[in-house]
Amino acid sequence: MKPYELVIFDWDGTLMDSISKIVTCMQQMAQTLSIDTPTEQAVRDVIGLSMEEALKTLYPLKSVLDFEPMINSYKEHYLTLNSTPSPLFDGSAVLLNELRSMDYRLAVATGKGRNGLNRVLTETNLGHYFESSRCADESKSKPNPDMIFELLEELKVKPESAVMIGDSLHDLNMANNAGIDSVGVSYGAHSESTLLLAKPKAIIHQPLELLQILR
């Protein structure tokens, strides 16, 4: 008997090695707009949140009206100006293939917007592995549990039959808020010690270690 039916993945820092690119693009956005440049750790701590929630955290004195040019500048750096590579982690594609061969159902819950997720699913040719997905611009931001609730309802899966895989405390707290198990990923945005605060079922240090937990 498999321990779960549905495996829900975060994207950035969990399947794709994109943390460094996100950090540098956020810092370049700040420099372009001549506003305070956030530290690497400050940016890491908001990865997984929706862009608006991330900016509220990084710039609490800014008005929501200030966010549009910030978001547009960030997107310009991410999509065009910044050349930092963001490959899949070694083993990510093999992991998804193995899980599907084991009859797991797969989904994504991400802080990316829908256009961004669709783009990377196409670029990586991984889209066919996932039955469904939820993005930060079509649901409430992590750690609110709505993304998970919506996936469970759509896919007709009970909470006890689902597990969330993520590299940030926001991912794991979202799982806790939704009443499902979680597995932390130590090679992304947050350290193992930070992830342990959310009491995940396990911590993995490379993608393929997940197979040992899900067999």
Protein backbone atom coordinates (compact mmCIF):
# COMPACT_ATOMS: atom_id res chain seq x y z
CA MET A 1 0.00 0.00 0.00
CA LYS A 2 1.34 3.43 -0.96
CA PRO A 3 1.27 5.91 1.94
CA TYR A 4 -0.49 8.55 -0.20
CA GLU A 5 -2.50 8.93 -3.39
CA LEU A 6 -1.60 12.51 -4.35
CA VAL A 7 1.79 14.24 -4.22
CA ILE A 8 1.63 18.04 -4.42
CA PHE A 9 4.88 19.79 -5.37
CA ASP A 10 6.04 23.32 -4.92
CA TRP A 11 8.05 24.47 -7.95
CA ASP A 12 10.84 26.99 -7.28
CA GLY A 13 13.51 25.49 -5.04
CA THR A 14 11.79 22.11 -5.00
CA LEU A 15 11.86 20.87 -8.60
CA MET A 16 13.71 23.79 -10.24
CA ASP A 17 16.98 25.33 -9.07
CA SER A 18 15.71 28.90 -9.41
CA ILE A 19 16.38 30.42 -5.98
CA SER A 20 19.56 32.25 -7.04
CA LYS A 21 17.79 33.75 -10.04
CA ILE A 22 14.84 34.92 -7.95
CA VAL A 23 17.19 36.53 -5.42
CA THR A 24 19.28 38.37 -8.01
CA CYS A 25 16.23 39.52 -9.98
CA MET A 26 14.58 40.91 -6.85
CA GLN A 27 17.78 42.75 -5.97
CA GLN A 28 18.18 44.07 -9.52
CA MET A 29 14.57 45.27 -9.47
CA ALA A 30 15.33 47.28 -6.33
CA GLN A 31 18.48 48.76 -7.85
CA THR A 32 16.65 49.67 -11.06
CA LEU A 33 13.94 51.50 -9.13
CA SER A 34 16.39 53.04 -6.61
CA ILE A 35 14.72 51.50 -3.57
CA ASP A 36 16.29 49.59 -0.68
CA THR A 37 17.94 46.40 -1.92
CA PRO A 38 16.84 43.37 0.13
CA THR A 39 19.42 40.92 1.44
CA GLU A 40 19.64 37.43 0.01
CA GLN A 41 18.14 35.96 3.18
CA ALA A 42 15.26 38.44 3.13
CA VAL A 43 14.37 37.37 -0.41
CA ARG A 44 14.76 33.68 0.42
CA ASP A 45 12.32 34.13 3.28
CA VAL A 46 9.55 35.38 0.96
CA ILE A 47 10.02 32.82 -1.83
CA GLY A 48 6.83 30.81 -2.08
CA LEU A 49 4.57 33.75 -1.29
CA SER A 50 2.60 35.51 -4.00
CA MET A 51 4.50 38.45 -5.48
CA GLU A 52 2.23 40.95 -3.73
CA GLU A 53 2.64 39.25 -0.34
CA ALA A 54 6.40 39.05 -0.89
CA LEU A 55 6.59 42.78 -1.61
CA LYS A 56 4.40 43.60 1.40
CA THR A 57 6.88 41.71 3.56
CA LEU A 58 10.02 43.19 1.99
CA TYR A 59 8.61 46.75 1.76
CA PRO A 60 6.03 47.15 4.54
CA LEU A 61 5.96 50.95 4.18
CA LYS A 62 5.15 50.83 0.46
CA SER A 63 1.61 51.23 -0.82
CA VAL A 64 0.01 48.51 -2.91
CA LEU A 65 -0.07 51.16 -5.67
CA ASP A 66 3.75 51.04 -5.71
CA PHE A 67 3.79 47.32 -6.45
CA GLU A 68 2.88 47.38 -10.15
CA PRO A 69 6.13 48.98 -11.36
CA MET A 70 8.07 46.73 -8.97
CA ILE A 71 6.42 43.62 -10.33
CA ASN A 72 6.91 44.75 -13.93
CA SER A 73 10.59 45.45 -13.31
CA TYR A 74 11.08 42.09 -11.61
CA LYS A 75 9.45 40.29 -14.54
CA GLU A 76 11.63 42.17 -17.03
CA HIS A 77 14.76 41.08 -15.20
CA TYR A 78 13.54 37.50 -14.78
CA LEU A 79 12.38 36.98 -18.34
CA THR A 80 14.83 39.11 -20.32
CA LEU A 81 17.68 40.86 -18.55
CA ASN A 82 18.96 38.32 -16.05
CA SER A 83 20.98 35.38 -17.36
CA THR A 84 21.26 33.38 -14.12
CA PRO A 85 20.49 29.76 -15.07
CA SER A 86 17.53 28.00 -13.44
CA PRO A 87 17.80 24.32 -14.42
CA LEU A 88 15.81 21.47 -12.96
CA PHE A 89 17.50 19.90 -9.96
CA ASP A 90 19.34 16.69 -10.80
CA GLY A 91 16.81 13.90 -10.44
CA SER A 92 13.64 15.99 -10.66
CA ALA A 93 12.49 14.61 -14.01
CA VAL A 94 13.43 11.04 -13.03
CA LEU A 95 11.55 11.47 -9.75
CA LEU A 96 8.34 12.54 -11.48
CA ASN A 97 8.60 9.69 -13.96
CA GLU A 98 9.14 7.16 -11.18
CA LEU A 99 6.23 8.46 -9.15
CA ARG A 100 3.89 8.24 -12.12
CA SER A 101 5.09 4.68 -12.78
CA MET A 102 4.15 3.94 -9.15
CA ASP A 103 0.62 5.23 -9.89
CA TYR A 104 0.95 8.40 -7.85
CA ARG A 105 -1.15 11.36 -8.90
CA LEU A 106 0.83 14.60 -9.10
CA ALA A 107 -0.05 18.28 -8.76
CA VAL A 108 1.65 21.65 -8.28
CA ALA A 109 0.95 24.41 -5.75
CA THR A 110 3.25 27.35 -6.40
CA GLY A 111 3.91 30.97 -5.61
CA LYS A 112 4.42 31.53 -9.35
CA GLY A 113 1.76 33.20 -11.42
CA ARG A 114 -0.14 31.11 -13.97
CA ASN A 115 1.76 32.46 -16.96
CA GLY A 116 5.08 31.73 -15.27
CA LEU A 117 4.16 28.19 -14.33
CA ASN A 118 2.79 27.42 -17.79
CA ARG A 119 6.00 28.74 -19.32
CA VAL A 120 8.32 26.55 -17.22
CA LEU A 121 6.10 23.47 -17.62
CA THR A 122 6.42 23.89 -21.37
CA GLU A 123 10.15 24.68 -21.32
CA THR A 124 10.95 21.66 -19.13
CA ASN A 125 8.48 19.34 -20.87
CA LEU A 126 7.15 18.25 -17.47
CA GLY A 127 3.58 19.49 -17.80
CA HIS A 128 2.18 16.08 -18.74
CA TYR A 129 3.10 14.65 -15.34
CA PHE A 130 0.68 16.87 -13.42
CA GLU A 131 -3.08 16.40 -13.23
CA SER A 132 -3.67 19.90 -11.93
CA SER A 133 -2.00 22.97 -10.46
CA ARG A 134 -2.72 26.12 -8.49
CA CYS A 135 -0.85 29.41 -8.71
CA ALA A 136 -0.56 32.45 -6.48
CA ASP A 137 -2.53 34.70 -8.84
CA GLU A 138 -5.58 32.43 -8.91
CA SER A 139 -5.81 31.45 -5.23
CA LYS A 140 -4.77 32.85 -1.86
CA SER A 141 -1.05 33.05 -1.14
CA LYS A 142 0.73 30.45 0.95
CA PRO A 143 0.56 29.66 3.83
CA ASN A 144 -3.22 29.97 3.36
CA PRO A 145 -4.44 26.41 2.65
CA ASP A 146 -6.84 27.28 -0.19
CA MET A 147 -4.53 26.03 -2.97
CA ILE A 148 -4.43 22.61 -1.36
CA PHE A 149 -8.15 22.62 -0.54
CA GLU A 150 -8.95 23.43 -4.18
CA LEU A 151 -6.69 20.67 -5.49
CA LEU A 152 -8.14 18.11 -3.08
CA GLU A 153 -11.69 19.04 -4.08
CA GLU A 154 -10.94 19.02 -7.81
CA LEU A 155 -9.09 15.70 -7.72
CA LYS A 156 -11.45 14.08 -5.18
CA VAL A 157 -8.66 13.20 -2.76
CA LYS A 158 -9.01 13.07 1.04
CA PRO A 159 -6.53 15.12 3.13
CA GLU A 160 -5.01 12.02 4.68
CA SER A 161 -4.19 10.73 1.18
CA ALA A 162 -2.15 13.78 0.11
CA VAL A 163 1.34 15.05 0.88
CA MET A 164 2.98 18.43 0.14
CA ILE A 165 6.63 18.62 -0.96
CA GLY A 166 8.29 22.01 -0.52
CA ASP A 167 11.48 23.90 0.24
CA SER A 168 10.05 26.78 2.28
CA LEU A 169 8.36 27.17 5.61
CA HIS A 170 5.40 28.68 3.71
CA ASP A 171 4.91 25.37 1.84
CA LEU A 172 4.98 23.29 4.98
CA ASN A 173 2.78 25.66 6.97
CA MET A 174 0.27 25.62 4.11
CA ALA A 175 0.21 21.82 4.39
CA ASN A 176 -0.28 22.03 8.16
CA ASN A 177 -3.10 24.55 7.68
CA ALA A 178 -4.76 22.19 5.19
CA GLY A 179 -4.39 19.18 7.49
CA ILE A 180 -2.12 17.19 5.17
CA ASP A 181 1.36 15.73 5.65
CA SER A 182 4.47 17.41 4.29
CA VAL A 183 8.05 16.63 3.32
CA GLY A 184 10.66 19.38 3.48
CA VAL A 185 13.35 19.93 0.85
CA SER A 186 16.66 21.14 2.33
CA TYR A 187 18.30 22.30 -0.93
CA GLY A 188 15.99 25.23 -1.70
CA ALA A 189 15.00 28.49 -0.01
CA HIS A 190 15.05 27.49 3.66
CA SER A 191 17.50 25.53 5.79
CA GLU A 192 16.70 22.18 7.36
CA SER A 193 16.54 23.77 10.82
CA THR A 194 13.95 26.28 9.58
CA LEU A 195 11.87 23.61 7.85
CA LEU A 196 11.83 21.48 11.00
CA LEU A 197 9.84 24.23 12.74
CA ALA A 198 6.81 23.04 10.74
CA LYS A 199 7.30 19.41 11.84
CA PRO A 200 7.29 17.76 8.40
CA LYS A 201 7.16 13.97 8.15
CA ALA A 202 10.68 13.98 6.70
CA ILE A 203 13.40 16.16 5.19
CA ILE A 204 15.07 15.19 1.91
CA HIS A 205 18.43 16.43 0.64
CA GLN A 206 18.04 15.56 -3.04
CA PRO A 207 14.93 14.88 -5.16
CA LEU A 208 15.32 11.11 -5.54
CA GLU A 209 15.36 10.62 -1.75
CA LEU A 210 11.61 11.17 -1.90
CA LEU A 211 11.21 7.72 -3.48
CA GLN A 212 12.40 6.10 -0.25
CA ILE A 213 9.60 7.83 1.65
CA LEU A 214 6.85 7.15 -0.88
CA ARG A 215 7.50 3.48 -1.69
